[in-house]
Amino acid sequence: MTDASTNDRRRPESVSEPPSSPLEILKQVGPGLIIAANIVGSGELIMTTKTGAEAGIALLWLIMLGCVVKVFVQLELGRFAISHGETTLSSLNRVPGPRLGRINWVVMMWGFMMLTTVGQLGGIVGGVGQALAQTIPITGDVQEAVRIPSEDNIRTLVDFQLLQEGKAPVRDNELATRLEKLTESQRQRFERQMAWVAQDLNNLGDRGEH
């Protein structure tokens, strides 16, 4: 009985010559570029940057470990697939473990991951669309929303103005303590931010008073 994992091995006479012209190279590389672009998901665009901003260099070792492991796994898996004349999924289907019919558990996990990337791509498109709408507003509603300060900025401005008048803040009772811990440059940046919020409210006219 023939092993199912060896059915797609290519015979020497069926192996095509490597492309030499730019057009032929593009035909071979093009699909790979699409898959590679699909791999870069919201984890790289959102969660990685968010984690780096919150944890700093505390998780730098994890990035270094991931880069090292990823390089060797991809190199060896690619060499195995080329030397054995079979696809990467066929190579992964050789891994021992539970099976559903002829499908290995690793291939099943890969299929589930590819299905979840559909929702992931939707989240990326939505996030990029919101960023573009705020950066380059097209409709009047978006332009108006960008000019309106957030509720948190307005409440901070009110507390800051109360502190300047010698009164107790309404919402953040520790605002004075946090301001004392700021450096001179940080305090100047905070005061500029509050000035921008006050200017935005003044530009709103009567709507900024409610």
C-alpha atoms as a PDB file:
ATOM      1  CA  MET A   1       0.000   0.000   0.000  1.00  0.00           C
ATOM      2  CA  THR A   2       1.370   3.395  -0.993  1.00  0.00           C
ATOM      3  CA  ASP A   3       1.959   5.948   1.767  1.00  0.00           C
ATOM      4  CA  ALA A   4      -0.436   8.890   1.327  1.00  0.00           C
ATOM      5  CA  SER A   5       2.230  11.335   2.423  1.00  0.00           C
ATOM      6  CA  THR A   6       4.422  10.441  -0.605  1.00  0.00           C
ATOM      7  CA  ASN A   7       1.766  10.803  -3.312  1.00  0.00           C
ATOM      8  CA  ASP A   8       2.742  14.368  -4.227  1.00  0.00           C
ATOM      9  CA  ARG A   9       6.497  13.772  -4.515  1.00  0.00           C
ATOM     10  CA  ARG A  10       7.743  15.080  -7.835  1.00  0.00           C
ATOM     11  CA  ARG A  11       9.732  12.902 -10.200  1.00  0.00           C
ATOM     12  CA  PRO A  12      13.029  14.306 -11.506  1.00  0.00           C
ATOM     13  CA  GLU A  13      11.671  14.669 -15.028  1.00  0.00           C
ATOM     14  CA  SER A  14       8.684  16.714 -13.786  1.00  0.00           C
ATOM     15  CA  VAL A  15      10.762  19.309 -11.923  1.00  0.00           C
ATOM     16  CA  SER A  16      10.715  22.609 -13.844  1.00  0.00           C
ATOM     17  CA  GLU A  17      13.801  24.690 -14.478  1.00  0.00           C
ATOM     18  CA  PRO A  18      14.275  27.805 -12.347  1.00  0.00           C
ATOM     19  CA  PRO A  19      12.922  31.006 -13.975  1.00  0.00           C
ATOM     20  CA  SER A  20      15.417  33.342 -15.637  1.00  0.00           C
ATOM     21  CA  SER A  21      13.386  36.221 -17.122  1.00  0.00           C
ATOM     22  CA  PRO A  22      11.868  38.930 -14.875  1.00  0.00           C
ATOM     23  CA  LEU A  23       8.337  38.004 -15.927  1.00  0.00           C
ATOM     24  CA  GLU A  24       8.826  34.333 -15.102  1.00  0.00           C
ATOM     25  CA  ILE A  25      10.402  35.229 -11.761  1.00  0.00           C
ATOM     26  CA  LEU A  26       7.410  37.456 -10.967  1.00  0.00           C
ATOM     27  CA  LYS A  27       5.047  34.586 -11.758  1.00  0.00           C
ATOM     28  CA  GLN A  28       6.849  32.411  -9.216  1.00  0.00           C
ATOM     29  CA  VAL A  29       7.384  35.067  -6.535  1.00  0.00           C
ATOM     30  CA  GLY A  30       4.002  36.817  -6.844  1.00  0.00           C
ATOM     31  CA  PRO A  31       1.857  34.241  -4.998  1.00  0.00           C
ATOM     32  CA  GLY A  32       4.491  33.978  -2.275  1.00  0.00           C
ATOM     33  CA  LEU A  33       4.408  37.745  -1.752  1.00  0.00           C
ATOM     34  CA  ILE A  34       0.623  37.618  -1.331  1.00  0.00           C
ATOM     35  CA  ILE A  35       0.896  34.892   1.316  1.00  0.00           C
ATOM     36  CA  ALA A  36       3.732  36.738   3.063  1.00  0.00           C
ATOM     37  CA  ALA A  37       1.661  39.930   3.180  1.00  0.00           C
ATOM     38  CA  ASN A  38      -1.244  37.946   4.584  1.00  0.00           C
ATOM     39  CA  ILE A  39       0.937  36.667   7.440  1.00  0.00           C
ATOM     40  CA  VAL A  40       1.525  40.214   8.721  1.00  0.00           C
ATOM     41  CA  GLY A  41      -1.644  40.587  10.737  1.00  0.00           C
ATOM     42  CA  SER A  42      -3.029  42.683  13.548  1.00  0.00           C
ATOM     43  CA  GLY A  43      -0.572  41.039  15.936  1.00  0.00           C
ATOM     44  CA  GLU A  44       2.361  42.733  14.224  1.00  0.00           C
ATOM     45  CA  LEU A  45       0.546  45.992  13.552  1.00  0.00           C
ATOM     46  CA  ILE A  46      -1.301  46.490  16.837  1.00  0.00           C
ATOM     47  CA  MET A  47      -0.477  44.076  19.648  1.00  0.00           C
ATOM     48  CA  THR A  48       3.294  44.092  19.131  1.00  0.00           C
ATOM     49  CA  THR A  49       3.537  47.873  19.206  1.00  0.00           C
ATOM     50  CA  LYS A  50       1.101  48.091  22.135  1.00  0.00           C
ATOM     51  CA  THR A  51       3.048  45.517  24.133  1.00  0.00           C
ATOM     52  CA  GLY A  52       6.321  47.264  23.359  1.00  0.00           C
ATOM     53  CA  ALA A  53       4.913  50.614  24.464  1.00  0.00           C
ATOM     54  CA  GLU A  54       3.674  49.156  27.754  1.00  0.00           C
ATOM     55  CA  ALA A  55       6.476  46.717  28.619  1.00  0.00           C
ATOM     56  CA  GLY A  56       9.424  48.573  27.112  1.00  0.00           C
ATOM     57  CA  ILE A  57      12.508  46.379  26.713  1.00  0.00           C
ATOM     58  CA  ALA A  58      11.397  43.921  29.394  1.00  0.00           C
ATOM     59  CA  LEU A  59      10.189  41.515  26.693  1.00  0.00           C
ATOM     60  CA  LEU A  60      13.105  42.087  24.324  1.00  0.00           C
ATOM     61  CA  TRP A  61      14.370  38.566  25.077  1.00  0.00           C
ATOM     62  CA  LEU A  62      11.113  37.133  23.724  1.00  0.00           C
ATOM     63  CA  ILE A  63      11.559  38.951  20.417  1.00  0.00           C
ATOM     64  CA  MET A  64      15.157  37.724  20.135  1.00  0.00           C
ATOM     65  CA  LEU A  65      14.095  34.136  20.874  1.00  0.00           C
ATOM     66  CA  GLY A  66      11.249  34.305  18.370  1.00  0.00           C
ATOM     67  CA  CYS A  67      13.522  35.649  15.626  1.00  0.00           C
ATOM     68  CA  VAL A  68      16.102  32.895  16.162  1.00  0.00           C
ATOM     69  CA  VAL A  69      13.568  30.060  16.300  1.00  0.00           C
ATOM     70  CA  LYS A  70      11.588  31.393  13.337  1.00  0.00           C
ATOM     71  CA  VAL A  71      14.643  31.583  11.073  1.00  0.00           C
ATOM     72  CA  PHE A  72      15.798  28.021  11.701  1.00  0.00           C
ATOM     73  CA  VAL A  73      12.311  26.517  11.524  1.00  0.00           C
ATOM     74  CA  GLN A  74      11.561  28.169   8.186  1.00  0.00           C
ATOM     75  CA  LEU A  75      14.964  27.343   6.718  1.00  0.00           C
ATOM     76  CA  GLU A  76      14.868  23.682   7.668  1.00  0.00           C
ATOM     77  CA  LEU A  77      11.234  23.243   6.692  1.00  0.00           C
ATOM     78  CA  GLY A  78      11.939  24.800   3.301  1.00  0.00           C
ATOM     79  CA  ARG A  79      14.997  22.576   2.794  1.00  0.00           C
ATOM     80  CA  PHE A  80      13.020  19.499   3.739  1.00  0.00           C
ATOM     81  CA  ALA A  81      10.222  20.356   1.307  1.00  0.00           C
ATOM     82  CA  ILE A  82      12.663  21.015  -1.551  1.00  0.00           C
ATOM     83  CA  SER A  83      14.858  17.960  -0.949  1.00  0.00           C
ATOM     84  CA  HIS A  84      11.871  15.611  -0.642  1.00  0.00           C
ATOM     85  CA  GLY A  85       9.953  17.160  -3.555  1.00  0.00           C
ATOM     86  CA  GLU A  86       6.745  17.745  -1.622  1.00  0.00           C
ATOM     87  CA  THR A  87       4.765  20.721  -0.358  1.00  0.00           C
ATOM     88  CA  THR A  88       5.144  22.204   3.094  1.00  0.00           C
ATOM     89  CA  LEU A  89       1.708  20.989   4.188  1.00  0.00           C
ATOM     90  CA  SER A  90       2.582  17.477   3.059  1.00  0.00           C
ATOM     91  CA  SER A  91       5.739  17.701   5.153  1.00  0.00           C
ATOM     92  CA  LEU A  92       3.745  18.858   8.181  1.00  0.00           C
ATOM     93  CA  ASN A  93       1.310  16.025   7.585  1.00  0.00           C
ATOM     94  CA  ARG A  94       4.143  13.635   8.477  1.00  0.00           C
ATOM     95  CA  VAL A  95       4.262  14.862  12.097  1.00  0.00           C
ATOM     96  CA  PRO A  96       3.137  12.105  14.479  1.00  0.00           C
ATOM     97  CA  GLY A  97      -0.034  12.624  16.418  1.00  0.00           C
ATOM     98  CA  PRO A  98      -3.836  12.427  16.170  1.00  0.00           C
ATOM     99  CA  ARG A  99      -5.454  12.407  12.749  1.00  0.00           C
ATOM    100  CA  LEU A 100      -8.884  13.093  11.349  1.00  0.00           C
ATOM    101  CA  GLY A 101      -8.949  10.684   8.454  1.00  0.00           C
ATOM    102  CA  ARG A 102      -5.785  11.464   6.469  1.00  0.00           C
ATOM    103  CA  ILE A 103      -5.349  14.961   7.940  1.00  0.00           C
ATOM    104  CA  ASN A 104      -2.763  15.471  10.666  1.00  0.00           C
ATOM    105  CA  TRP A 105      -3.511  17.626  13.719  1.00  0.00           C
ATOM    106  CA  VAL A 106      -0.895  20.180  12.633  1.00  0.00           C
ATOM    107  CA  VAL A 107      -2.601  20.650   9.265  1.00  0.00           C
ATOM    108  CA  MET A 108      -5.968  20.979  11.013  1.00  0.00           C
ATOM    109  CA  MET A 109      -4.552  23.723  13.239  1.00  0.00           C
ATOM    110  CA  TRP A 110      -3.164  25.451  10.146  1.00  0.00           C
ATOM    111  CA  GLY A 111      -6.604  25.346   8.506  1.00  0.00           C
ATOM    112  CA  PHE A 112      -8.218  26.819  11.612  1.00  0.00           C
ATOM    113  CA  MET A 113      -5.598  29.570  11.697  1.00  0.00           C
ATOM    114  CA  MET A 114      -6.255  30.457   8.050  1.00  0.00           C
ATOM    115  CA  LEU A 115      -9.985  30.747   8.785  1.00  0.00           C
ATOM    116  CA  THR A 116      -9.366  33.094  11.699  1.00  0.00           C
ATOM    117  CA  THR A 117      -7.206  35.353   9.532  1.00  0.00           C
ATOM    118  CA  VAL A 118     -10.359  36.346   7.631  1.00  0.00           C
ATOM    119  CA  GLY A 119     -11.679  38.160  10.708  1.00  0.00           C
ATOM    120  CA  GLN A 120      -8.189  39.415  11.454  1.00  0.00           C
ATOM    121  CA  LEU A 121      -7.925  41.033   8.028  1.00  0.00           C
ATOM    122  CA  GLY A 122     -11.313  42.655   8.583  1.00  0.00           C
ATOM    123  CA  GLY A 123     -10.006  44.204  11.801  1.00  0.00           C
ATOM    124  CA  ILE A 124      -6.907  45.482  10.025  1.00  0.00           C
ATOM    125  CA  VAL A 125      -8.948  47.056   7.227  1.00  0.00           C
ATOM    126  CA  GLY A 126     -11.255  48.694   9.782  1.00  0.00           C
ATOM    127  CA  GLY A 127      -8.348  50.056  11.827  1.00  0.00           C
ATOM    128  CA  VAL A 128      -6.555  51.405   8.767  1.00  0.00           C
ATOM    129  CA  GLY A 129      -9.805  52.979   7.555  1.00  0.00           C
ATOM    130  CA  GLN A 130     -10.346  54.753  10.866  1.00  0.00           C
ATOM    131  CA  ALA A 131      -6.764  56.007  10.909  1.00  0.00           C
ATOM    132  CA  LEU A 132      -7.086  57.340   7.357  1.00  0.00           C
ATOM    133  CA  ALA A 133     -10.444  58.941   8.162  1.00  0.00           C
ATOM    134  CA  GLN A 134      -8.908  60.810  11.076  1.00  0.00           C
ATOM    135  CA  THR A 135      -5.732  61.741   9.197  1.00  0.00           C
ATOM    136  CA  ILE A 136      -7.360  62.733   5.892  1.00  0.00           C
ATOM    137  CA  PRO A 137     -11.034  63.473   6.662  1.00  0.00           C
ATOM    138  CA  ILE A 138     -13.337  63.363   3.656  1.00  0.00           C
ATOM    139  CA  THR A 139     -16.797  64.017   5.065  1.00  0.00           C
ATOM    140  CA  GLY A 140     -17.805  66.903   7.306  1.00  0.00           C
ATOM    141  CA  ASP A 141     -18.863  64.604  10.170  1.00  0.00           C
ATOM    142  CA  VAL A 142     -15.366  63.158  10.529  1.00  0.00           C
ATOM    143  CA  GLN A 143     -13.773  66.595  10.331  1.00  0.00           C
ATOM    144  CA  GLU A 144     -16.095  67.813  13.069  1.00  0.00           C
ATOM    145  CA  ALA A 145     -15.379  64.800  15.269  1.00  0.00           C
ATOM    146  CA  VAL A 146     -11.614  65.288  14.966  1.00  0.00           C
ATOM    147  CA  ARG A 147     -11.911  68.877  16.212  1.00  0.00           C
ATOM    148  CA  ILE A 148     -13.906  67.916  19.329  1.00  0.00           C
ATOM    149  CA  PRO A 149     -11.678  67.091  22.360  1.00  0.00           C
ATOM    150  CA  SER A 150     -12.263  63.824  24.156  1.00  0.00           C
ATOM    151  CA  GLU A 151     -14.226  63.705  27.400  1.00  0.00           C
ATOM    152  CA  ASP A 152     -11.122  62.705  29.340  1.00  0.00           C
ATOM    153  CA  ASN A 153      -9.190  65.730  28.016  1.00  0.00           C
ATOM    154  CA  ILE A 154     -12.049  68.072  28.925  1.00  0.00           C
ATOM    155  CA  ARG A 155     -12.279  66.718  32.481  1.00  0.00           C
ATOM    156  CA  THR A 156      -8.501  67.014  32.892  1.00  0.00           C
ATOM    157  CA  LEU A 157      -8.664  70.616  31.655  1.00  0.00           C
ATOM    158  CA  VAL A 158     -11.363  71.448  34.219  1.00  0.00           C
ATOM    159  CA  ASP A 159      -9.297  69.973  37.059  1.00  0.00           C
ATOM    160  CA  PHE A 160      -6.177  71.795  35.847  1.00  0.00           C
ATOM    161  CA  GLN A 161      -8.015  75.120  35.721  1.00  0.00           C
ATOM    162  CA  LEU A 162      -9.360  74.536  39.241  1.00  0.00           C
ATOM    163  CA  LEU A 163      -5.826  73.862  40.488  1.00  0.00           C
ATOM    164  CA  GLN A 164      -4.625  77.092  38.938  1.00  0.00           C
ATOM    165  CA  GLU A 165      -7.393  78.932  40.814  1.00  0.00           C
ATOM    166  CA  GLY A 166      -6.355  77.283  44.085  1.00  0.00           C
ATOM    167  CA  LYS A 167      -9.381  74.998  44.254  1.00  0.00           C
ATOM    168  CA  ALA A 168      -9.648  71.219  44.659  1.00  0.00           C
ATOM    169  CA  PRO A 169     -10.029  69.150  41.469  1.00  0.00           C
ATOM    170  CA  VAL A 170     -13.422  67.626  40.805  1.00  0.00           C
ATOM    171  CA  ARG A 171     -12.383  64.301  39.289  1.00  0.00           C
ATOM    172  CA  ASP A 172      -8.651  63.656  39.769  1.00  0.00           C
ATOM    173  CA  ASN A 173      -7.636  64.416  43.338  1.00  0.00           C
ATOM    174  CA  GLU A 174      -4.051  63.303  42.656  1.00  0.00           C
ATOM    175  CA  LEU A 175      -3.526  65.635  39.718  1.00  0.00           C
ATOM    176  CA  ALA A 176      -1.501  68.111  41.790  1.00  0.00           C
ATOM    177  CA  THR A 177       0.782  65.321  43.046  1.00  0.00           C
ATOM    178  CA  ARG A 178       1.366  63.999  39.549  1.00  0.00           C
ATOM    179  CA  LEU A 179       2.120  67.461  38.225  1.00  0.00           C
ATOM    180  CA  GLU A 180       4.747  67.975  40.924  1.00  0.00           C
ATOM    181  CA  LYS A 181       6.548  64.810  39.810  1.00  0.00           C
ATOM    182  CA  LEU A 182       6.793  65.977  36.196  1.00  0.00           C
ATOM    183  CA  THR A 183       9.999  67.400  34.838  1.00  0.00           C
ATOM    184  CA  GLU A 184      10.062  70.916  33.436  1.00  0.00           C
ATOM    185  CA  SER A 185       9.765  69.712  29.837  1.00  0.00           C
ATOM    186  CA  GLN A 186       6.971  67.276  30.711  1.00  0.00           C
ATOM    187  CA  ARG A 187       5.030  69.995  32.517  1.00  0.00           C
ATOM    188  CA  GLN A 188       5.417  72.355  29.567  1.00  0.00           C
ATOM    189  CA  ARG A 189       4.143  69.649  27.225  1.00  0.00           C
ATOM    190  CA  PHE A 190       1.157  69.023  29.525  1.00  0.00           C
ATOM    191  CA  GLU A 191       0.345  72.748  29.693  1.00  0.00           C
ATOM    192  CA  ARG A 192       0.531  73.009  25.893  1.00  0.00           C
ATOM    193  CA  GLN A 193      -1.869  70.101  25.605  1.00  0.00           C
ATOM    194  CA  MET A 194      -4.318  71.781  27.982  1.00  0.00           C
ATOM    195  CA  ALA A 195      -4.001  75.021  25.998  1.00  0.00           C
ATOM    196  CA  TRP A 196      -4.864  73.146  22.790  1.00  0.00           C
ATOM    197  CA  VAL A 197      -7.919  71.580  24.444  1.00  0.00           C
ATOM    198  CA  ALA A 198      -9.078  74.997  25.672  1.00  0.00           C
ATOM    199  CA  GLN A 199      -8.566  76.452  22.204  1.00  0.00           C
ATOM    200  CA  ASP A 200     -10.582  73.644  20.611  1.00  0.00           C
ATOM    201  CA  LEU A 201     -13.414  74.286  23.050  1.00  0.00           C
ATOM    202  CA  ASN A 202     -13.339  77.994  22.275  1.00  0.00           C
ATOM    203  CA  ASN A 203     -13.465  77.243  18.558  1.00  0.00           C
ATOM    204  CA  LEU A 204     -16.633  75.212  19.114  1.00  0.00           C
ATOM    205  CA  GLY A 205     -18.389  78.337  20.384  1.00  0.00           C
ATOM    206  CA  ASP A 206     -21.634  77.751  22.226  1.00  0.00           C
ATOM    207  CA  ARG A 207     -21.376  73.985  21.765  1.00  0.00           C
ATOM    208  CA  GLY A 208     -18.172  73.939  23.837  1.00  0.00           C
ATOM    209  CA  GLU A 209     -19.939  75.383  26.853  1.00  0.00           C
ATOM    210  CA  HIS A 210     -22.326  72.462  27.335  1.00  0.00           C
END
